[in-house]
């Protein structure tokens, strides 16, 4: 694509070769210090050089790296702290509830009506092809994170899927790989941080993006800047708007597709914030294999009578 692709490949190879051979214990003070030192070195020395490929946006990207380091440090030092007895670390609940109210109002007045109109006007077959295209653009990021996690098999599968869907799948509009029983293996940098031993940190709700944790938010930032096929890493040409636009339409399709479930959580539960938080944390921990045997039921409304 451009010079950043070569740089990214070099970054991936060096990062994989230097991963610690044993999992650092982040519960002991010495383990926390070692983890923070390692992650800070990785983020600053390995990711920051990628941003030099586009000087006009360098200050913004440098600020993103600094913000990321703050998030990771918080994850590494406070992963075992909880503010309640149910295993939920939500020290920013007051602010989170305000953001949740904003997101809920945005969904009610804009996102849900637009998604319903999109689902009514555009045939489901076309909507699904847009989703396929958007997913294909994210596949290089899956390969990068699989490599960083030391999962060579999943990285290989992601590369194969991307090549197949981009060629015989007509640019990704057709999921040819799935038709041939090659299942996708989605991952992100938040999961990479989990593999490296970083704790999930505090629960936070992001404007527009919804529920998250400090670790997942850090992963979101890194994924945005390191995937070769994102808005941030494509030259200043009209094509750079294709990834975010396709992802936006994919989000509208998913909102319409899962409308009943989303509406029941947001508009029918006694406390939509607590319900959303519960479901997100349960599902995220399950994805990362961090569940405990006595984890809560994600579909149980804690305030229902």
C-alpha atoms as a PDB file:
ATOM      1  CA  UNK A   1       0.000   0.000   0.000  1.00  0.00           C
ATOM      2  CA  UNK A   2       2.676   2.466   1.073  1.00  0.00           C
ATOM      3  CA  UNK A   3       5.752   2.653   3.256  1.00  0.00           C
ATOM      4  CA  UNK A   4       3.715   2.235   6.430  1.00  0.00           C
ATOM      5  CA  UNK A   5       2.814  -1.315   5.429  1.00  0.00           C
ATOM      6  CA  UNK A   6       6.461  -2.351   5.402  1.00  0.00           C
ATOM      7  CA  UNK A   7       7.026  -0.535   8.673  1.00  0.00           C
ATOM      8  CA  UNK A   8       4.034  -2.290  10.211  1.00  0.00           C
ATOM      9  CA  UNK A   9       5.350  -5.684   9.143  1.00  0.00           C
ATOM     10  CA  UNK A  10       8.713  -4.878  10.723  1.00  0.00           C
ATOM     11  CA  UNK A  11       6.953  -3.764  13.893  1.00  0.00           C
ATOM     12  CA  UNK A  12       4.942  -6.993  14.075  1.00  0.00           C
ATOM     13  CA  UNK A  13       7.990  -9.233  13.601  1.00  0.00           C
ATOM     14  CA  UNK A  14      10.025  -7.424  16.246  1.00  0.00           C
ATOM     15  CA  UNK A  15       7.144  -7.352  18.700  1.00  0.00           C
ATOM     16  CA  UNK A  16       6.495 -11.086  18.359  1.00  0.00           C
ATOM     17  CA  UNK A  17      10.158 -11.963  18.763  1.00  0.00           C
ATOM     18  CA  UNK A  18      10.418  -9.917  21.946  1.00  0.00           C
ATOM     19  CA  UNK A  19       7.271 -11.089  23.721  1.00  0.00           C
ATOM     20  CA  UNK A  20       8.023 -12.401  27.239  1.00  0.00           C
ATOM     21  CA  UNK A  21       8.372 -16.175  27.355  1.00  0.00           C
ATOM     22  CA  UNK A  22       6.387 -16.412  30.575  1.00  0.00           C
ATOM     23  CA  UNK A  23       3.316 -14.600  31.805  1.00  0.00           C
ATOM     24  CA  UNK A  24       4.250 -11.788  34.158  1.00  0.00           C
ATOM     25  CA  UNK A  25       2.295 -11.790  37.368  1.00  0.00           C
ATOM     26  CA  UNK A  26       0.523  -8.430  37.540  1.00  0.00           C
ATOM     27  CA  UNK A  27      -0.695  -8.982  41.086  1.00  0.00           C
ATOM     28  CA  UNK A  28       2.671  -8.436  42.772  1.00  0.00           C
ATOM     29  CA  UNK A  29       4.241  -4.923  42.872  1.00  0.00           C
ATOM     30  CA  UNK A  30       7.342  -6.130  41.049  1.00  0.00           C
ATOM     31  CA  UNK A  31       5.201  -7.822  38.414  1.00  0.00           C
ATOM     32  CA  UNK A  32       3.208  -4.640  37.903  1.00  0.00           C
ATOM     33  CA  UNK A  33       6.395  -2.612  37.435  1.00  0.00           C
ATOM     34  CA  UNK A  34       7.800  -5.088  34.939  1.00  0.00           C
ATOM     35  CA  UNK A  35       4.498  -5.205  33.040  1.00  0.00           C
ATOM     36  CA  UNK A  36       4.210  -1.408  32.893  1.00  0.00           C
ATOM     37  CA  UNK A  37       7.822  -1.070  31.730  1.00  0.00           C
ATOM     38  CA  UNK A  38       7.376  -3.695  29.023  1.00  0.00           C
ATOM     39  CA  UNK A  39       4.088  -2.329  27.719  1.00  0.00           C
ATOM     40  CA  UNK A  40       5.308   1.263  27.737  1.00  0.00           C
ATOM     41  CA  UNK A  41       8.432   0.246  25.820  1.00  0.00           C
ATOM     42  CA  UNK A  42       6.360  -1.705  23.308  1.00  0.00           C
ATOM     43  CA  UNK A  43       3.799   1.049  22.771  1.00  0.00           C
ATOM     44  CA  UNK A  44       6.237   3.938  22.485  1.00  0.00           C
ATOM     45  CA  UNK A  45       9.119   2.268  20.653  1.00  0.00           C
ATOM     46  CA  UNK A  46       7.118   0.009  18.358  1.00  0.00           C
ATOM     47  CA  UNK A  47       3.880   1.826  17.580  1.00  0.00           C
ATOM     48  CA  UNK A  48       5.038   5.443  17.650  1.00  0.00           C
ATOM     49  CA  UNK A  49       7.427   5.004  14.663  1.00  0.00           C
ATOM     50  CA  UNK A  50       4.428   4.113  12.494  1.00  0.00           C
ATOM     51  CA  UNK A  51       3.075   7.611  12.925  1.00  0.00           C
ATOM     52  CA  UNK A  52       6.073   9.283  11.276  1.00  0.00           C
ATOM     53  CA  UNK A  53       4.784   8.200   7.889  1.00  0.00           C
ATOM     54  CA  UNK A  54       2.343  11.116   7.848  1.00  0.00           C
ATOM     55  CA  UNK A  55       3.785  14.271   9.500  1.00  0.00           C
ATOM     56  CA  UNK A  56       0.668  16.482   9.181  1.00  0.00           C
ATOM     57  CA  UNK A  57      -1.234  14.235  11.598  1.00  0.00           C
ATOM     58  CA  UNK A  58       1.744  13.473  13.846  1.00  0.00           C
ATOM     59  CA  UNK A  59       0.691  15.634  16.854  1.00  0.00           C
ATOM     60  CA  UNK A  60      -2.699  13.967  16.981  1.00  0.00           C
ATOM     61  CA  UNK A  61      -1.190  10.503  16.736  1.00  0.00           C
ATOM     62  CA  UNK A  62       1.456  11.251  19.341  1.00  0.00           C
ATOM     63  CA  UNK A  63      -1.297  12.402  21.684  1.00  0.00           C
ATOM     64  CA  UNK A  64      -3.122   9.133  21.016  1.00  0.00           C
ATOM     65  CA  UNK A  65      -0.026   7.141  22.000  1.00  0.00           C
ATOM     66  CA  UNK A  66       0.310   9.160  25.216  1.00  0.00           C
ATOM     67  CA  UNK A  67      -3.354   8.587  26.035  1.00  0.00           C
ATOM     68  CA  UNK A  68      -2.898   4.893  25.344  1.00  0.00           C
ATOM     69  CA  UNK A  69       0.045   4.647  27.745  1.00  0.00           C
ATOM     70  CA  UNK A  70      -2.061   6.241  30.476  1.00  0.00           C
ATOM     71  CA  UNK A  71      -4.848   3.709  29.894  1.00  0.00           C
ATOM     72  CA  UNK A  72      -2.482   0.748  29.916  1.00  0.00           C
ATOM     73  CA  UNK A  73      -0.772   1.937  33.089  1.00  0.00           C
ATOM     74  CA  UNK A  74      -4.156   2.212  34.771  1.00  0.00           C
ATOM     75  CA  UNK A  75      -5.079  -1.293  33.620  1.00  0.00           C
ATOM     76  CA  UNK A  76      -1.825  -2.765  34.886  1.00  0.00           C
ATOM     77  CA  UNK A  77      -2.012  -1.160  38.323  1.00  0.00           C
ATOM     78  CA  UNK A  78      -5.708  -1.360  39.168  1.00  0.00           C
ATOM     79  CA  UNK A  79      -6.934  -4.552  37.554  1.00  0.00           C
ATOM     80  CA  UNK A  80      -7.942  -6.175  40.849  1.00  0.00           C
ATOM     81  CA  UNK A  81      -9.690  -3.155  42.327  1.00  0.00           C
ATOM     82  CA  UNK A  82     -13.477  -3.255  42.389  1.00  0.00           C
ATOM     83  CA  UNK A  83     -15.965  -0.763  43.685  1.00  0.00           C
ATOM     84  CA  UNK A  84     -18.723  -3.302  44.362  1.00  0.00           C
ATOM     85  CA  UNK A  85     -18.975  -6.846  45.630  1.00  0.00           C
ATOM     86  CA  UNK A  86     -20.138  -8.271  42.283  1.00  0.00           C
ATOM     87  CA  UNK A  87     -16.780  -8.066  40.513  1.00  0.00           C
ATOM     88  CA  UNK A  88     -17.539  -4.825  38.667  1.00  0.00           C
ATOM     89  CA  UNK A  89     -14.928  -2.065  38.686  1.00  0.00           C
ATOM     90  CA  UNK A  90     -16.930   1.072  37.952  1.00  0.00           C
ATOM     91  CA  UNK A  91     -15.418   4.042  39.804  1.00  0.00           C
ATOM     92  CA  UNK A  92     -16.712   6.458  37.150  1.00  0.00           C
ATOM     93  CA  UNK A  93     -20.341   5.370  37.347  1.00  0.00           C
ATOM     94  CA  UNK A  94     -21.717   8.894  37.709  1.00  0.00           C
ATOM     95  CA  UNK A  95     -20.002  10.077  34.539  1.00  0.00           C
ATOM     96  CA  UNK A  96     -20.701   6.798  32.764  1.00  0.00           C
ATOM     97  CA  UNK A  97     -24.420   7.136  33.435  1.00  0.00           C
ATOM     98  CA  UNK A  98     -24.446  10.604  31.881  1.00  0.00           C
ATOM     99  CA  UNK A  99     -22.695   9.296  28.777  1.00  0.00           C
ATOM    100  CA  UNK A 100     -25.081   6.340  28.700  1.00  0.00           C
ATOM    101  CA  UNK A 101     -28.023   8.734  28.787  1.00  0.00           C
ATOM    102  CA  UNK A 102     -26.498  10.645  25.859  1.00  0.00           C
ATOM    103  CA  UNK A 103     -25.933   7.430  23.869  1.00  0.00           C
ATOM    104  CA  UNK A 104     -29.452   6.247  24.666  1.00  0.00           C
ATOM    105  CA  UNK A 105     -30.962   9.534  23.513  1.00  0.00           C
ATOM    106  CA  UNK A 106     -28.871   9.433  20.340  1.00  0.00           C
ATOM    107  CA  UNK A 107     -30.064   5.915  19.638  1.00  0.00           C
ATOM    108  CA  UNK A 108     -33.685   6.783  20.260  1.00  0.00           C
ATOM    109  CA  UNK A 109     -33.739   9.946  18.162  1.00  0.00           C
ATOM    110  CA  UNK A 110     -31.284   9.132  15.389  1.00  0.00           C
ATOM    111  CA  UNK A 111     -29.629   5.717  15.215  1.00  0.00           C
ATOM    112  CA  UNK A 112     -32.705   3.530  15.660  1.00  0.00           C
ATOM    113  CA  UNK A 113     -34.914   5.447  13.175  1.00  0.00           C
ATOM    114  CA  UNK A 114     -32.138   5.562  10.575  1.00  0.00           C
ATOM    115  CA  UNK A 115     -31.383   1.844  11.072  1.00  0.00           C
ATOM    116  CA  UNK A 116     -35.065   0.994  10.668  1.00  0.00           C
ATOM    117  CA  UNK A 117     -35.233   3.047   7.478  1.00  0.00           C
ATOM    118  CA  UNK A 118     -32.047   1.444   6.188  1.00  0.00           C
ATOM    119  CA  UNK A 119     -33.477  -1.992   6.851  1.00  0.00           C
ATOM    120  CA  UNK A 120     -36.781  -1.101   5.192  1.00  0.00           C
ATOM    121  CA  UNK A 121     -35.334   0.452   2.031  1.00  0.00           C
ATOM    122  CA  UNK A 122     -32.220  -1.659   1.391  1.00  0.00           C
ATOM    123  CA  UNK A 123     -32.671  -5.407   0.787  1.00  0.00           C
ATOM    124  CA  UNK A 124     -31.046  -7.667   3.351  1.00  0.00           C
ATOM    125  CA  UNK A 125     -28.794  -9.239   0.698  1.00  0.00           C
ATOM    126  CA  UNK A 126     -27.216  -5.881  -0.123  1.00  0.00           C
ATOM    127  CA  UNK A 127     -26.879  -4.977   3.556  1.00  0.00           C
ATOM    128  CA  UNK A 128     -25.080  -8.240   4.208  1.00  0.00           C
ATOM    129  CA  UNK A 129     -22.617  -7.630   1.374  1.00  0.00           C
ATOM    130  CA  UNK A 130     -21.767  -4.256   2.917  1.00  0.00           C
ATOM    131  CA  UNK A 131     -21.145  -6.009   6.229  1.00  0.00           C
ATOM    132  CA  UNK A 132     -18.902  -8.517   4.454  1.00  0.00           C
ATOM    133  CA  UNK A 133     -16.922  -5.685   2.869  1.00  0.00           C
ATOM    134  CA  UNK A 134     -16.499  -3.907   6.202  1.00  0.00           C
ATOM    135  CA  UNK A 135     -15.408  -7.109   7.950  1.00  0.00           C
ATOM    136  CA  UNK A 136     -12.867  -7.802   5.213  1.00  0.00           C
ATOM    137  CA  UNK A 137     -11.256  -4.396   5.763  1.00  0.00           C
ATOM    138  CA  UNK A 138     -10.758  -5.327   9.432  1.00  0.00           C
ATOM    139  CA  UNK A 139      -9.131  -8.668   8.660  1.00  0.00           C
ATOM    140  CA  UNK A 140      -5.530  -7.355   8.401  1.00  0.00           C
ATOM    141  CA  UNK A 141      -5.928  -6.064  11.944  1.00  0.00           C
ATOM    142  CA  UNK A 142      -6.994  -9.533  13.079  1.00  0.00           C
ATOM    143  CA  UNK A 143      -3.822 -10.966  11.536  1.00  0.00           C
ATOM    144  CA  UNK A 144      -1.614  -8.378  13.236  1.00  0.00           C
ATOM    145  CA  UNK A 145      -3.115  -9.010  16.663  1.00  0.00           C
ATOM    146  CA  UNK A 146      -2.988 -12.774  16.255  1.00  0.00           C
ATOM    147  CA  UNK A 147       0.745 -12.452  15.561  1.00  0.00           C
ATOM    148  CA  UNK A 148       1.218 -10.244  18.609  1.00  0.00           C
ATOM    149  CA  UNK A 149      -0.574 -12.884  20.681  1.00  0.00           C
ATOM    150  CA  UNK A 150       1.715 -15.600  19.327  1.00  0.00           C
ATOM    151  CA  UNK A 151      -1.204 -17.329  17.608  1.00  0.00           C
ATOM    152  CA  UNK A 152       0.340 -18.122  14.240  1.00  0.00           C
ATOM    153  CA  UNK A 153      -2.520 -20.415  13.195  1.00  0.00           C
ATOM    154  CA  UNK A 154      -5.156 -17.688  13.590  1.00  0.00           C
ATOM    155  CA  UNK A 155      -2.896 -15.169  11.865  1.00  0.00           C
ATOM    156  CA  UNK A 156      -2.547 -17.522   8.912  1.00  0.00           C
ATOM    157  CA  UNK A 157      -6.302 -18.055   8.747  1.00  0.00           C
ATOM    158  CA  UNK A 158      -6.882 -14.281   8.718  1.00  0.00           C
ATOM    159  CA  UNK A 159      -4.382 -13.806   5.892  1.00  0.00           C
ATOM    160  CA  UNK A 160      -5.982 -16.609   3.870  1.00  0.00           C
ATOM    161  CA  UNK A 161      -9.465 -15.186   4.445  1.00  0.00           C
ATOM    162  CA  UNK A 162      -8.367 -11.698   3.401  1.00  0.00           C
ATOM    163  CA  UNK A 163      -6.708 -12.920   0.203  1.00  0.00           C
ATOM    164  CA  UNK A 164      -9.649 -15.135  -0.750  1.00  0.00           C
ATOM    165  CA  UNK A 165     -12.358 -12.586   0.013  1.00  0.00           C
ATOM    166  CA  UNK A 166     -10.463  -9.775  -1.697  1.00  0.00           C
ATOM    167  CA  UNK A 167      -9.909 -11.781  -4.886  1.00  0.00           C
ATOM    168  CA  UNK A 168     -12.598 -14.372  -5.564  1.00  0.00           C
ATOM    169  CA  UNK A 169     -14.873 -12.587  -3.106  1.00  0.00           C
ATOM    170  CA  UNK A 170     -14.939  -9.477  -5.318  1.00  0.00           C
ATOM    171  CA  UNK A 171     -13.173  -7.112  -2.971  1.00  0.00           C
ATOM    172  CA  UNK A 172     -14.770  -8.567   0.141  1.00  0.00           C
ATOM    173  CA  UNK A 173     -18.412  -8.098  -0.826  1.00  0.00           C
ATOM    174  CA  UNK A 174     -18.757 -11.890  -0.892  1.00  0.00           C
ATOM    175  CA  UNK A 175     -17.553 -13.947   2.073  1.00  0.00           C
ATOM    176  CA  UNK A 176     -15.999 -16.647  -0.096  1.00  0.00           C
ATOM    177  CA  UNK A 177     -13.848 -17.964   2.752  1.00  0.00           C
ATOM    178  CA  UNK A 178     -16.860 -18.786   4.913  1.00  0.00           C
ATOM    179  CA  UNK A 179     -18.494 -20.501   1.945  1.00  0.00           C
ATOM    180  CA  UNK A 180     -15.431 -22.771   1.918  1.00  0.00           C
ATOM    181  CA  UNK A 181     -15.774 -23.413   5.674  1.00  0.00           C
ATOM    182  CA  UNK A 182     -12.854 -21.161   6.656  1.00  0.00           C
ATOM    183  CA  UNK A 183     -14.255 -19.485   9.739  1.00  0.00           C
ATOM    184  CA  UNK A 184     -13.082 -16.028  10.739  1.00  0.00           C
ATOM    185  CA  UNK A 185     -11.031 -15.525  13.912  1.00  0.00           C
ATOM    186  CA  UNK A 186     -11.758 -12.021  15.100  1.00  0.00           C
ATOM    187  CA  UNK A 187      -9.533 -10.427  17.695  1.00  0.00           C
ATOM    188  CA  UNK A 188      -8.327  -6.975  18.699  1.00  0.00           C
ATOM    189  CA  UNK A 189      -5.540  -5.236  20.574  1.00  0.00           C
ATOM    190  CA  UNK A 190      -7.626  -5.285  23.751  1.00  0.00           C
ATOM    191  CA  UNK A 191      -7.362  -9.072  23.646  1.00  0.00           C
ATOM    192  CA  UNK A 192      -3.658  -8.753  22.876  1.00  0.00           C
ATOM    193  CA  UNK A 193      -3.211  -6.694  26.041  1.00  0.00           C
ATOM    194  CA  UNK A 194      -5.113  -9.380  27.955  1.00  0.00           C
ATOM    195  CA  UNK A 195      -2.757 -12.053  26.610  1.00  0.00           C
ATOM    196  CA  UNK A 196       0.192  -9.917  27.684  1.00  0.00           C
ATOM    197  CA  UNK A 197      -1.212  -9.825  31.231  1.00  0.00           C
ATOM    198  CA  UNK A 198      -2.812  -6.367  31.442  1.00  0.00           C
ATOM    199  CA  UNK A 199      -5.946  -6.153  33.577  1.00  0.00           C
ATOM    200  CA  UNK A 200      -9.220  -4.903  32.156  1.00  0.00           C
ATOM    201  CA  UNK A 201      -9.161  -1.735  34.259  1.00  0.00           C
ATOM    202  CA  UNK A 202     -12.257   0.248  35.070  1.00  0.00           C
ATOM    203  CA  UNK A 203     -15.531   0.003  33.181  1.00  0.00           C
ATOM    204  CA  UNK A 204     -16.226   3.071  31.057  1.00  0.00           C
ATOM    205  CA  UNK A 205     -18.924   4.035  28.582  1.00  0.00           C
ATOM    206  CA  UNK A 206     -17.683   5.885  25.529  1.00  0.00           C
ATOM    207  CA  UNK A 207     -19.719   8.456  23.600  1.00  0.00           C
ATOM    208  CA  UNK A 208     -21.037   6.860  20.392  1.00  0.00           C
ATOM    209  CA  UNK A 209     -19.025   3.644  20.901  1.00  0.00           C
ATOM    210  CA  UNK A 210     -20.891   2.488  24.018  1.00  0.00           C
ATOM    211  CA  UNK A 211     -19.675   0.120  26.772  1.00  0.00           C
ATOM    212  CA  UNK A 212     -15.972  -0.570  27.141  1.00  0.00           C
ATOM    213  CA  UNK A 213     -13.143  -0.901  29.665  1.00  0.00           C
ATOM    214  CA  UNK A 214      -9.855   0.951  29.957  1.00  0.00           C
ATOM    215  CA  UNK A 215      -8.037  -1.973  28.372  1.00  0.00           C
ATOM    216  CA  UNK A 216     -10.518  -2.326  25.522  1.00  0.00           C
ATOM    217  CA  UNK A 217     -10.414   1.418  24.882  1.00  0.00           C
ATOM    218  CA  UNK A 218      -6.630   1.307  24.636  1.00  0.00           C
ATOM    219  CA  UNK A 219      -7.015  -1.553  22.184  1.00  0.00           C
ATOM    220  CA  UNK A 220      -9.517   0.437  20.146  1.00  0.00           C
ATOM    221  CA  UNK A 221      -7.033   3.287  19.772  1.00  0.00           C
ATOM    222  CA  UNK A 222      -4.185   1.002  18.709  1.00  0.00           C
ATOM    223  CA  UNK A 223      -6.369  -0.921  16.245  1.00  0.00           C
ATOM    224  CA  UNK A 224      -7.432   2.359  14.649  1.00  0.00           C
ATOM    225  CA  UNK A 225      -3.858   3.422  13.975  1.00  0.00           C
ATOM    226  CA  UNK A 226      -2.205   0.103  13.128  1.00  0.00           C
ATOM    227  CA  UNK A 227      -4.635  -1.584  10.751  1.00  0.00           C
ATOM    228  CA  UNK A 228      -3.317  -0.762   7.250  1.00  0.00           C
ATOM    229  CA  UNK A 229      -6.874  -0.383   5.978  1.00  0.00           C
ATOM    230  CA  UNK A 230      -8.298   2.304   8.248  1.00  0.00           C
ATOM    231  CA  UNK A 231      -9.073   5.990   7.928  1.00  0.00           C
ATOM    232  CA  UNK A 232      -5.941   6.880   9.922  1.00  0.00           C
ATOM    233  CA  UNK A 233      -3.432   4.989   7.791  1.00  0.00           C
ATOM    234  CA  UNK A 234      -4.618   5.740   4.258  1.00  0.00           C
ATOM    235  CA  UNK A 235      -3.317   8.702   2.274  1.00  0.00           C
ATOM    236  CA  UNK A 236      -5.370  11.890   1.954  1.00  0.00           C
ATOM    237  CA  UNK A 237      -7.503  10.633  -0.912  1.00  0.00           C
ATOM    238  CA  UNK A 238     -11.266  10.083  -1.156  1.00  0.00           C
ATOM    239  CA  UNK A 239     -10.775   6.334  -0.685  1.00  0.00           C
ATOM    240  CA  UNK A 240      -9.722   6.892   2.933  1.00  0.00           C
ATOM    241  CA  UNK A 241     -13.379   7.481   3.812  1.00  0.00           C
ATOM    242  CA  UNK A 242     -14.428   4.048   2.564  1.00  0.00           C
ATOM    243  CA  UNK A 243     -13.532   2.093   5.762  1.00  0.00           C
ATOM    244  CA  UNK A 244     -15.390   4.337   8.245  1.00  0.00           C
ATOM    245  CA  UNK A 245     -18.410   4.735   5.956  1.00  0.00           C
ATOM    246  CA  UNK A 246     -18.700   0.986   5.390  1.00  0.00           C
ATOM    247  CA  UNK A 247     -18.345   0.346   9.114  1.00  0.00           C
ATOM    248  CA  UNK A 248     -21.081   2.887   9.781  1.00  0.00           C
ATOM    249  CA  UNK A 249     -23.484   1.136   7.410  1.00  0.00           C
ATOM    250  CA  UNK A 250     -22.530  -2.221   8.943  1.00  0.00           C
ATOM    251  CA  UNK A 251     -23.386  -0.783  12.354  1.00  0.00           C
ATOM    252  CA  UNK A 252     -26.785   0.365  11.104  1.00  0.00           C
ATOM    253  CA  UNK A 253     -27.452  -3.091   9.701  1.00  0.00           C
ATOM    254  CA  UNK A 254     -26.519  -4.726  13.016  1.00  0.00           C
ATOM    255  CA  UNK A 255     -28.726  -2.247  14.896  1.00  0.00           C
ATOM    256  CA  UNK A 256     -31.669  -3.234  12.707  1.00  0.00           C
ATOM    257  CA  UNK A 257     -30.821  -6.932  12.791  1.00  0.00           C
ATOM    258  CA  UNK A 258     -30.675  -7.131  16.595  1.00  0.00           C
ATOM    259  CA  UNK A 259     -33.311  -4.482  17.178  1.00  0.00           C
ATOM    260  CA  UNK A 260     -35.507  -6.571  19.476  1.00  0.00           C
ATOM    261  CA  UNK A 261     -32.657  -7.483  21.830  1.00  0.00           C
ATOM    262  CA  UNK A 262     -31.180  -3.974  21.916  1.00  0.00           C
ATOM    263  CA  UNK A 263     -34.576  -2.352  22.468  1.00  0.00           C
ATOM    264  CA  UNK A 264     -35.363  -4.715  25.336  1.00  0.00           C
ATOM    265  CA  UNK A 265     -32.107  -3.792  27.080  1.00  0.00           C
ATOM    266  CA  UNK A 266     -32.288  -0.043  26.490  1.00  0.00           C
ATOM    267  CA  UNK A 267     -35.988   0.623  26.788  1.00  0.00           C
ATOM    268  CA  UNK A 268     -37.590  -2.241  28.706  1.00  0.00           C
ATOM    269  CA  UNK A 269     -35.154  -2.982  31.549  1.00  0.00           C
ATOM    270  CA  UNK A 270     -35.488  -1.254  34.914  1.00  0.00           C
ATOM    271  CA  UNK A 271     -31.930   0.098  34.712  1.00  0.00           C
ATOM    272  CA  UNK A 272     -30.596   0.078  31.164  1.00  0.00           C
ATOM    273  CA  UNK A 273     -27.145   1.255  32.273  1.00  0.00           C
ATOM    274  CA  UNK A 274     -26.644  -1.607  34.742  1.00  0.00           C
ATOM    275  CA  UNK A 275     -28.069  -4.093  32.268  1.00  0.00           C
ATOM    276  CA  UNK A 276     -25.787  -2.896  29.454  1.00  0.00           C
ATOM    277  CA  UNK A 277     -22.764  -2.994  31.747  1.00  0.00           C
ATOM    278  CA  UNK A 278     -23.583  -6.507  32.917  1.00  0.00           C
ATOM    279  CA  UNK A 279     -24.058  -7.904  29.426  1.00  0.00           C
ATOM    280  CA  UNK A 280     -20.938  -6.244  28.050  1.00  0.00           C
ATOM    281  CA  UNK A 281     -18.607  -7.365  30.849  1.00  0.00           C
ATOM    282  CA  UNK A 282     -19.938 -10.906  30.833  1.00  0.00           C
ATOM    283  CA  UNK A 283     -19.594 -11.278  27.070  1.00  0.00           C
ATOM    284  CA  UNK A 284     -16.180  -9.618  26.933  1.00  0.00           C
ATOM    285  CA  UNK A 285     -14.786 -11.750  29.738  1.00  0.00           C
ATOM    286  CA  UNK A 286     -16.169 -14.852  28.060  1.00  0.00           C
ATOM    287  CA  UNK A 287     -14.460 -13.900  24.782  1.00  0.00           C
ATOM    288  CA  UNK A 288     -11.140 -13.489  26.594  1.00  0.00           C
ATOM    289  CA  UNK A 289     -11.552 -16.590  28.762  1.00  0.00           C
ATOM    290  CA  UNK A 290     -11.636 -14.527  31.951  1.00  0.00           C
ATOM    291  CA  UNK A 291     -14.922 -15.800  33.359  1.00  0.00           C
ATOM    292  CA  UNK A 292     -15.124 -17.260  36.803  1.00  0.00           C
ATOM    293  CA  UNK A 293     -17.455 -20.095  37.684  1.00  0.00           C
ATOM    294  CA  UNK A 294     -19.730 -17.823  39.720  1.00  0.00           C
ATOM    295  CA  UNK A 295     -20.012 -15.005  37.171  1.00  0.00           C
ATOM    296  CA  UNK A 296     -23.359 -13.287  36.956  1.00  0.00           C
ATOM    297  CA  UNK A 297     -26.041 -14.048  34.404  1.00  0.00           C
ATOM    298  CA  UNK A 298     -25.723 -11.358  31.678  1.00  0.00           C
ATOM    299  CA  UNK A 299     -29.436 -11.473  30.879  1.00  0.00           C
ATOM    300  CA  UNK A 300     -30.668 -11.101  34.429  1.00  0.00           C
ATOM    301  CA  UNK A 301     -31.954  -7.631  35.195  1.00  0.00           C
ATOM    302  CA  UNK A 302     -30.467  -6.791  38.630  1.00  0.00           C
ATOM    303  CA  UNK A 303     -33.243  -4.275  39.328  1.00  0.00           C
ATOM    304  CA  UNK A 304     -36.187  -6.336  38.131  1.00  0.00           C
ATOM    305  CA  UNK A 305     -38.754  -7.224  40.738  1.00  0.00           C
END
